[in-house]
Amino acid sequence: MRTFAEFQIIGRVGKIKEVGPTLRVSIAAEYGRKDDRGDFQSRPFWNEVTIFKDSVIGWAKENIAPGDVVHTRGTMRQSEYTKDGQTVYDVTFAANDFDLLRKKASEG
């Protein structure tokens, strides 16, 4: 039997930053709802994905920008380390696939 831990996110790009040999991209997935008056209330949840593959990093740097809608999927893994005597737990979302679904709409 194959075991795995995977993620998939469709959302809007926030920040894009290079960290060492990786590229980190924050993506907002929106879980909206209607309030008591029937008005839509936006509720974004931000997740940061890390791209390790050079080919995907190069593509992302050339093709995505804040505000674009993207689809990404990959593997997730939990790690732990000690900081100031305390155990800190972390989850890494390692993006294997990254696709542009829609460019940010032009303003004006």
N, C-alpha and C. Protein backbone atom coordinates (compact mmCIF):
# COMPACT_ATOMS: atom_id res chain seq x y z
N MET A 1 0.84 -1.18 0.00
CA MET A 1 0.00 0.00 0.00
C MET A 1 0.89 1.25 0.00
N ARG A 2 0.53 2.20 -0.83
CA ARG A 2 1.26 3.47 -0.91
C ARG A 2 0.69 4.43 0.13
N THR A 3 1.56 5.11 0.85
CA THR A 3 1.11 6.14 1.79
C THR A 3 1.64 7.48 1.32
N PHE A 4 0.92 8.54 1.64
CA PHE A 4 1.34 9.86 1.19
C PHE A 4 0.63 10.95 1.98
N ALA A 5 1.17 12.16 1.90
CA ALA A 5 0.54 13.35 2.46
C ALA A 5 0.67 14.44 1.39
N GLU A 6 -0.47 14.83 0.83
CA GLU A 6 -0.47 15.78 -0.27
C GLU A 6 -1.37 16.97 0.05
N PHE A 7 -1.14 18.07 -0.67
CA PHE A 7 -2.00 19.24 -0.57
C PHE A 7 -2.32 19.74 -1.97
N GLN A 8 -3.37 20.54 -2.05
CA GLN A 8 -3.76 21.20 -3.29
C GLN A 8 -4.39 22.54 -2.91
N ILE A 9 -3.96 23.62 -3.54
CA ILE A 9 -4.49 24.95 -3.24
C ILE A 9 -4.79 25.67 -4.55
N ILE A 10 -5.97 26.29 -4.62
CA ILE A 10 -6.30 27.23 -5.67
C ILE A 10 -6.57 28.55 -4.97
N GLY A 11 -5.84 29.58 -5.34
CA GLY A 11 -6.02 30.87 -4.67
C GLY A 11 -5.22 31.98 -5.32
N ARG A 12 -5.25 33.14 -4.66
CA ARG A 12 -4.56 34.34 -5.16
C ARG A 12 -3.18 34.45 -4.54
N VAL A 13 -2.21 34.82 -5.38
CA VAL A 13 -0.83 34.99 -4.93
C VAL A 13 -0.71 36.26 -4.11
N GLY A 14 0.01 36.16 -3.00
CA GLY A 14 0.34 37.32 -2.17
C GLY A 14 1.79 37.69 -2.39
N LYS A 15 2.63 37.32 -1.44
CA LYS A 15 4.05 37.63 -1.53
C LYS A 15 4.81 36.50 -2.22
N ILE A 16 5.86 36.90 -2.93
CA ILE A 16 6.78 35.95 -3.57
C ILE A 16 8.17 36.33 -3.08
N LYS A 17 8.87 35.37 -2.45
CA LYS A 17 10.20 35.71 -1.93
C LYS A 17 11.16 34.55 -2.10
N GLU A 18 12.40 34.92 -2.41
CA GLU A 18 13.45 33.92 -2.51
C GLU A 18 14.05 33.72 -1.13
N VAL A 19 14.18 32.47 -0.74
CA VAL A 19 14.79 32.12 0.54
C VAL A 19 15.84 31.05 0.24
N GLY A 20 17.10 31.46 0.26
CA GLY A 20 18.16 30.53 -0.11
C GLY A 20 17.92 30.03 -1.52
N PRO A 21 18.01 28.72 -1.74
CA PRO A 21 17.81 28.17 -3.08
C PRO A 21 16.34 27.91 -3.42
N THR A 22 15.42 28.33 -2.55
CA THR A 22 13.99 28.05 -2.76
C THR A 22 13.23 29.32 -3.08
N LEU A 23 11.98 29.15 -3.51
CA LEU A 23 11.07 30.26 -3.73
C LEU A 23 9.84 29.99 -2.89
N ARG A 24 9.44 30.97 -2.08
CA ARG A 24 8.25 30.83 -1.25
C ARG A 24 7.16 31.76 -1.77
N VAL A 25 5.97 31.20 -1.90
CA VAL A 25 4.84 31.93 -2.45
C VAL A 25 3.67 31.81 -1.47
N SER A 26 3.15 32.95 -1.01
CA SER A 26 1.96 32.90 -0.15
C SER A 26 0.73 32.95 -1.05
N ILE A 27 -0.25 32.12 -0.71
CA ILE A 27 -1.46 31.98 -1.53
C ILE A 27 -2.68 32.05 -0.60
N ALA A 28 -3.64 32.90 -0.97
CA ALA A 28 -4.87 33.04 -0.18
C ALA A 28 -5.98 32.21 -0.81
N ALA A 29 -6.50 31.28 -0.04
CA ALA A 29 -7.70 30.54 -0.42
C ALA A 29 -8.84 31.20 0.34
N GLU A 30 -9.92 31.52 -0.35
CA GLU A 30 -10.99 32.29 0.27
C GLU A 30 -12.19 31.42 0.60
N TYR A 31 -12.59 31.49 1.85
CA TYR A 31 -13.77 30.77 2.32
C TYR A 31 -14.79 31.80 2.76
N GLY A 32 -15.55 32.31 1.80
CA GLY A 32 -16.52 33.36 2.11
C GLY A 32 -17.85 32.78 2.54
N ARG A 33 -18.67 33.67 3.06
CA ARG A 33 -20.01 33.27 3.48
C ARG A 33 -20.90 34.50 3.43
N LYS A 34 -22.18 34.27 3.44
CA LYS A 34 -23.13 35.38 3.49
C LYS A 34 -23.47 35.67 4.95
N ASP A 35 -23.53 36.96 5.28
CA ASP A 35 -23.89 37.35 6.64
C ASP A 35 -25.41 37.37 6.78
N ASP A 36 -25.88 37.84 7.93
CA ASP A 36 -27.32 37.86 8.22
C ASP A 36 -28.11 38.72 7.23
N ARG A 37 -27.45 39.72 6.63
CA ARG A 37 -28.12 40.60 5.67
C ARG A 37 -28.04 40.06 4.24
N GLY A 38 -27.35 38.95 4.06
CA GLY A 38 -27.20 38.38 2.73
C GLY A 38 -26.01 38.90 1.96
N ASP A 39 -25.18 39.72 2.63
CA ASP A 39 -23.97 40.25 1.99
C ASP A 39 -22.84 39.25 2.12
N PHE A 40 -22.06 39.13 1.06
CA PHE A 40 -20.93 38.20 1.05
C PHE A 40 -19.80 38.76 1.91
N GLN A 41 -19.28 37.95 2.81
CA GLN A 41 -18.16 38.33 3.67
C GLN A 41 -16.96 37.47 3.31
N SER A 42 -15.90 38.11 2.90
CA SER A 42 -14.68 37.41 2.50
C SER A 42 -13.91 36.95 3.72
N ARG A 43 -13.36 35.75 3.64
CA ARG A 43 -12.55 35.23 4.74
C ARG A 43 -11.37 34.46 4.13
N PRO A 44 -10.28 35.17 3.82
CA PRO A 44 -9.13 34.50 3.22
C PRO A 44 -8.27 33.79 4.26
N PHE A 45 -7.72 32.66 3.87
CA PHE A 45 -6.76 31.93 4.69
C PHE A 45 -5.47 31.84 3.88
N TRP A 46 -4.38 32.28 4.48
CA TRP A 46 -3.09 32.31 3.78
C TRP A 46 -2.27 31.08 4.08
N ASN A 47 -1.68 30.52 3.04
CA ASN A 47 -0.74 29.41 3.17
C ASN A 47 0.50 29.75 2.36
N GLU A 48 1.66 29.39 2.89
CA GLU A 48 2.90 29.63 2.16
C GLU A 48 3.41 28.30 1.64
N VAL A 49 3.64 28.23 0.33
CA VAL A 49 4.20 27.03 -0.27
C VAL A 49 5.65 27.30 -0.64
N THR A 50 6.46 26.25 -0.60
CA THR A 50 7.88 26.36 -0.94
C THR A 50 8.14 25.56 -2.19
N ILE A 51 8.81 26.20 -3.15
CA ILE A 51 9.18 25.53 -4.39
C ILE A 51 10.66 25.20 -4.30
N PHE A 52 11.00 23.92 -4.47
CA PHE A 52 12.38 23.45 -4.39
C PHE A 52 12.98 23.18 -5.77
N LYS A 53 12.14 22.77 -6.75
CA LYS A 53 12.64 22.38 -8.07
C LYS A 53 13.06 23.62 -8.87
N ASP A 54 14.29 23.60 -9.39
CA ASP A 54 14.81 24.74 -10.16
C ASP A 54 13.93 25.09 -11.36
N SER A 55 13.43 24.08 -12.06
CA SER A 55 12.61 24.35 -13.25
C SER A 55 11.30 25.04 -12.88
N VAL A 56 10.70 24.63 -11.76
CA VAL A 56 9.44 25.24 -11.32
C VAL A 56 9.71 26.64 -10.77
N ILE A 57 10.83 26.82 -10.07
CA ILE A 57 11.20 28.15 -9.57
C ILE A 57 11.34 29.12 -10.74
N GLY A 58 12.08 28.71 -11.77
CA GLY A 58 12.28 29.56 -12.94
C GLY A 58 10.97 29.94 -13.61
N TRP A 59 10.09 28.96 -13.78
CA TRP A 59 8.80 29.21 -14.40
C TRP A 59 7.98 30.18 -13.56
N ALA A 60 7.93 29.95 -12.25
CA ALA A 60 7.13 30.80 -11.36
C ALA A 60 7.64 32.24 -11.36
N LYS A 61 8.95 32.41 -11.31
CA LYS A 61 9.52 33.77 -11.30
C LYS A 61 9.18 34.54 -12.57
N GLU A 62 9.04 33.85 -13.69
CA GLU A 62 8.75 34.50 -14.97
C GLU A 62 7.25 34.69 -15.22
N ASN A 63 6.41 33.89 -14.57
CA ASN A 63 5.00 33.85 -14.97
C ASN A 63 3.97 34.26 -13.94
N ILE A 64 4.32 34.34 -12.67
CA ILE A 64 3.31 34.69 -11.68
C ILE A 64 3.66 36.00 -10.98
N ALA A 65 2.61 36.67 -10.50
CA ALA A 65 2.76 37.93 -9.79
C ALA A 65 1.66 38.03 -8.73
N PRO A 66 1.85 38.89 -7.73
CA PRO A 66 0.79 39.07 -6.73
C PRO A 66 -0.55 39.40 -7.39
N GLY A 67 -1.60 38.76 -6.89
CA GLY A 67 -2.94 38.96 -7.41
C GLY A 67 -3.37 37.91 -8.42
N ASP A 68 -2.42 37.19 -9.02
CA ASP A 68 -2.76 36.13 -9.96
C ASP A 68 -3.44 34.98 -9.24
N VAL A 69 -4.31 34.27 -9.95
CA VAL A 69 -4.94 33.06 -9.41
C VAL A 69 -4.13 31.87 -9.90
N VAL A 70 -3.71 31.03 -8.96
CA VAL A 70 -2.86 29.89 -9.28
C VAL A 70 -3.42 28.60 -8.70
N HIS A 71 -2.93 27.50 -9.23
CA HIS A 71 -3.23 26.17 -8.69
C HIS A 71 -1.89 25.52 -8.39
N THR A 72 -1.74 25.00 -7.20
CA THR A 72 -0.51 24.29 -6.85
C THR A 72 -0.86 23.03 -6.08
N ARG A 73 -0.01 22.05 -6.23
CA ARG A 73 -0.16 20.82 -5.46
C ARG A 73 1.22 20.27 -5.17
N GLY A 74 1.29 19.48 -4.12
CA GLY A 74 2.57 18.91 -3.75
C GLY A 74 2.45 18.08 -2.49
N THR A 75 3.58 17.90 -1.83
CA THR A 75 3.62 17.09 -0.62
C THR A 75 3.76 17.99 0.60
N MET A 76 3.33 17.47 1.73
CA MET A 76 3.46 18.21 2.98
C MET A 76 4.16 17.34 3.99
N ARG A 77 4.95 18.01 4.83
CA ARG A 77 5.67 17.26 5.85
C ARG A 77 5.83 18.12 7.09
N GLN A 78 5.73 17.47 8.23
CA GLN A 78 5.89 18.15 9.51
C GLN A 78 7.31 17.94 10.01
N SER A 79 7.85 18.98 10.61
CA SER A 79 9.18 18.88 11.20
C SER A 79 9.14 19.56 12.56
N GLU A 80 10.20 19.35 13.31
CA GLU A 80 10.29 20.01 14.61
C GLU A 80 11.74 20.40 14.86
N TYR A 81 11.89 21.48 15.62
CA TYR A 81 13.22 21.94 16.01
C TYR A 81 13.10 22.65 17.35
N THR A 82 14.24 22.90 17.97
CA THR A 82 14.25 23.56 19.27
C THR A 82 14.71 25.00 19.11
N LYS A 83 13.95 25.92 19.70
CA LYS A 83 14.29 27.34 19.66
C LYS A 83 14.09 27.91 21.06
N ASP A 84 15.15 28.49 21.61
CA ASP A 84 15.10 29.05 22.96
C ASP A 84 14.60 28.02 23.98
N GLY A 85 15.02 26.77 23.80
CA GLY A 85 14.66 25.71 24.73
C GLY A 85 13.26 25.14 24.53
N GLN A 86 12.52 25.63 23.56
CA GLN A 86 11.16 25.16 23.30
C GLN A 86 11.11 24.39 21.98
N THR A 87 10.31 23.34 21.95
CA THR A 87 10.12 22.59 20.71
C THR A 87 9.13 23.34 19.84
N VAL A 88 9.52 23.60 18.60
CA VAL A 88 8.68 24.30 17.63
C VAL A 88 8.34 23.31 16.52
N TYR A 89 7.05 23.25 16.18
CA TYR A 89 6.59 22.37 15.11
C TYR A 89 6.29 23.20 13.87
N ASP A 90 6.60 22.66 12.71
CA ASP A 90 6.43 23.38 11.46
C ASP A 90 5.90 22.41 10.41
N VAL A 91 5.13 22.94 9.47
CA VAL A 91 4.66 22.14 8.34
C VAL A 91 5.15 22.81 7.06
N THR A 92 5.79 22.04 6.20
CA THR A 92 6.27 22.54 4.91
C THR A 92 5.35 22.02 3.82
N PHE A 93 4.84 22.95 3.00
CA PHE A 93 4.08 22.61 1.80
C PHE A 93 5.06 22.71 0.64
N ALA A 94 5.55 21.58 0.15
CA ALA A 94 6.53 21.54 -0.93
C ALA A 94 5.79 21.41 -2.26
N ALA A 95 5.76 22.50 -3.03
CA ALA A 95 5.00 22.53 -4.28
C ALA A 95 5.75 21.80 -5.39
N ASN A 96 5.13 20.77 -5.94
CA ASN A 96 5.70 20.03 -7.06
C ASN A 96 5.16 20.53 -8.40
N ASP A 97 3.91 20.96 -8.41
CA ASP A 97 3.25 21.47 -9.62
C ASP A 97 2.72 22.87 -9.32
N PHE A 98 2.85 23.75 -10.29
CA PHE A 98 2.42 25.13 -10.11
C PHE A 98 1.87 25.62 -11.44
N ASP A 99 0.62 26.06 -11.47
CA ASP A 99 -0.01 26.50 -12.72
C ASP A 99 -0.69 27.86 -12.54
N LEU A 100 -0.61 28.68 -13.56
CA LEU A 100 -1.30 29.96 -13.59
C LEU A 100 -2.69 29.73 -14.15
N LEU A 101 -3.72 30.11 -13.40
CA LEU A 101 -5.10 29.96 -13.87
C LEU A 101 -5.62 31.26 -14.48
N ARG A 102 -5.25 32.41 -13.86
CA ARG A 102 -5.73 33.69 -14.36
C ARG A 102 -4.82 34.81 -13.85
N LYS A 103 -4.44 35.70 -14.75
CA LYS A 103 -3.65 36.87 -14.36
C LYS A 103 -4.54 37.84 -13.59
N LYS A 104 -3.93 38.62 -12.73
CA LYS A 104 -4.66 39.65 -11.99
C LYS A 104 -5.31 40.60 -12.99
N ALA A 105 -6.56 40.95 -12.72
CA ALA A 105 -7.26 41.88 -13.61
C ALA A 105 -6.58 43.24 -13.59
N SER A 106 -6.47 43.86 -14.75
CA SER A 106 -5.87 45.19 -14.84
C SER A 106 -6.79 46.20 -14.18
N GLU A 107 -6.17 47.15 -13.47
CA GLU A 107 -6.95 48.21 -12.84
C GLU A 107 -7.00 49.40 -13.78
N GLY A 108 -8.15 50.05 -13.81
CA GLY A 108 -8.22 51.27 -14.60
C GLY A 108 -9.18 51.21 -15.65
